[in-house]
Amino acid sequence: MDRHDLRAALRAAGVADGYYRIEGVHEPGPTPPDFLFLRRTGDGAWETGAYERGAYRTISRHPSEEAACAHLWQLLM
């Protein structure tokens, strides 16, 4: 599953838009105070994590977009 597939699956599952941010695919507005995220790093890896109290905290790094999508899915379900 890639980021676009993940977004579609989360919508189909009824996960509220404000619970997550997927870089380049879904950026909720206005920005919620807390949410889970998926983003690409400068070195080509992928991160999943949480944005809380104005700070990003990485939970896990992944070698592929597919692995990162699977992890964000698990966190949200």
Protein backbone atom coordinates (compact mmCIF):
# COMPACT_ATOMS: atom_id res chain seq x y z
CA MET A 1 0.00 0.00 0.00
CA ASP A 2 1.30 3.48 -0.83
CA ARG A 3 0.30 6.83 0.71
CA HIS A 4 -2.66 7.31 -1.64
CA ASP A 5 -3.99 3.82 -0.93
CA LEU A 6 -3.57 4.43 2.80
CA ARG A 7 -5.53 7.67 2.63
CA ALA A 8 -8.35 5.94 0.77
CA ALA A 9 -8.40 3.04 3.25
CA LEU A 10 -8.49 5.39 6.25
CA ARG A 11 -11.38 7.34 4.75
CA ALA A 12 -13.25 4.11 4.00
CA ALA A 13 -12.69 2.98 7.60
CA GLY A 14 -14.14 6.26 8.89
CA VAL A 15 -10.97 7.55 10.56
CA ALA A 16 -11.41 11.29 11.19
CA ASP A 17 -9.28 13.57 9.00
CA GLY A 18 -7.83 15.40 12.00
CA TYR A 19 -6.23 12.26 13.47
CA TYR A 20 -3.42 12.01 10.90
CA ARG A 21 -1.21 13.77 8.35
CA ILE A 22 0.26 12.01 5.32
CA GLU A 23 2.96 14.06 3.63
CA GLY A 24 1.94 15.14 0.14
CA VAL A 25 -1.44 13.40 0.33
CA HIS A 26 -3.41 14.62 3.34
CA GLU A 27 -2.70 17.70 5.44
CA PRO A 28 -5.66 18.55 7.67
CA GLY A 29 -6.60 22.18 8.04
CA PRO A 30 -6.69 23.88 10.31
CA THR A 31 -3.81 21.99 11.86
CA PRO A 32 -5.07 19.96 14.82
CA PRO A 33 -3.18 20.20 18.14
CA ASP A 34 -2.27 16.48 18.09
CA PHE A 35 -2.09 13.95 15.25
CA LEU A 36 -0.14 10.98 13.90
CA PHE A 37 2.01 11.49 10.82
CA LEU A 38 3.82 9.76 7.98
CA ARG A 39 6.64 11.61 6.22
CA ARG A 40 9.74 11.05 4.12
CA THR A 41 13.11 11.95 5.60
CA GLY A 42 16.01 13.70 3.91
CA ASP A 43 17.92 10.43 3.59
CA GLY A 44 15.08 8.62 1.78
CA ALA A 45 13.69 6.69 4.75
CA TRP A 46 10.12 7.07 6.01
CA GLU A 47 8.97 8.03 9.51
CA THR A 48 5.79 7.56 11.44
CA GLY A 49 5.22 9.51 14.59
CA ALA A 50 3.11 11.87 16.64
CA TYR A 51 2.76 15.63 16.65
CA GLU A 52 1.96 16.76 20.18
CA ARG A 53 2.18 20.12 21.90
CA GLY A 54 3.84 21.73 18.89
CA ALA A 55 6.59 19.14 18.46
CA TYR A 56 7.11 16.22 16.09
CA ARG A 57 8.17 12.96 17.79
CA THR A 58 9.29 10.06 15.63
CA ILE A 59 7.94 6.70 16.73
CA SER A 60 9.56 4.57 14.03
CA ARG A 61 11.74 4.79 10.91
CA HIS A 62 11.00 2.58 7.91
CA PRO A 63 13.03 1.59 4.84
CA SER A 64 10.03 1.81 2.50
CA GLU A 65 6.83 3.76 1.98
CA GLU A 66 4.88 0.49 2.15
CA ALA A 67 6.27 -0.36 5.61
CA ALA A 68 5.55 3.15 6.89
CA CYS A 69 1.98 3.03 5.57
CA ALA A 70 1.39 -0.33 7.25
CA HIS A 71 2.67 1.07 10.55
CA LEU A 72 0.48 4.20 10.41
CA TRP A 73 -2.50 1.98 9.60
CA GLN A 74 -1.78 -0.11 12.71
CA LEU A 75 -1.42 3.00 14.87
CA LEU A 76 -4.75 4.40 13.71
CA MET A 77 -6.74 1.17 13.82
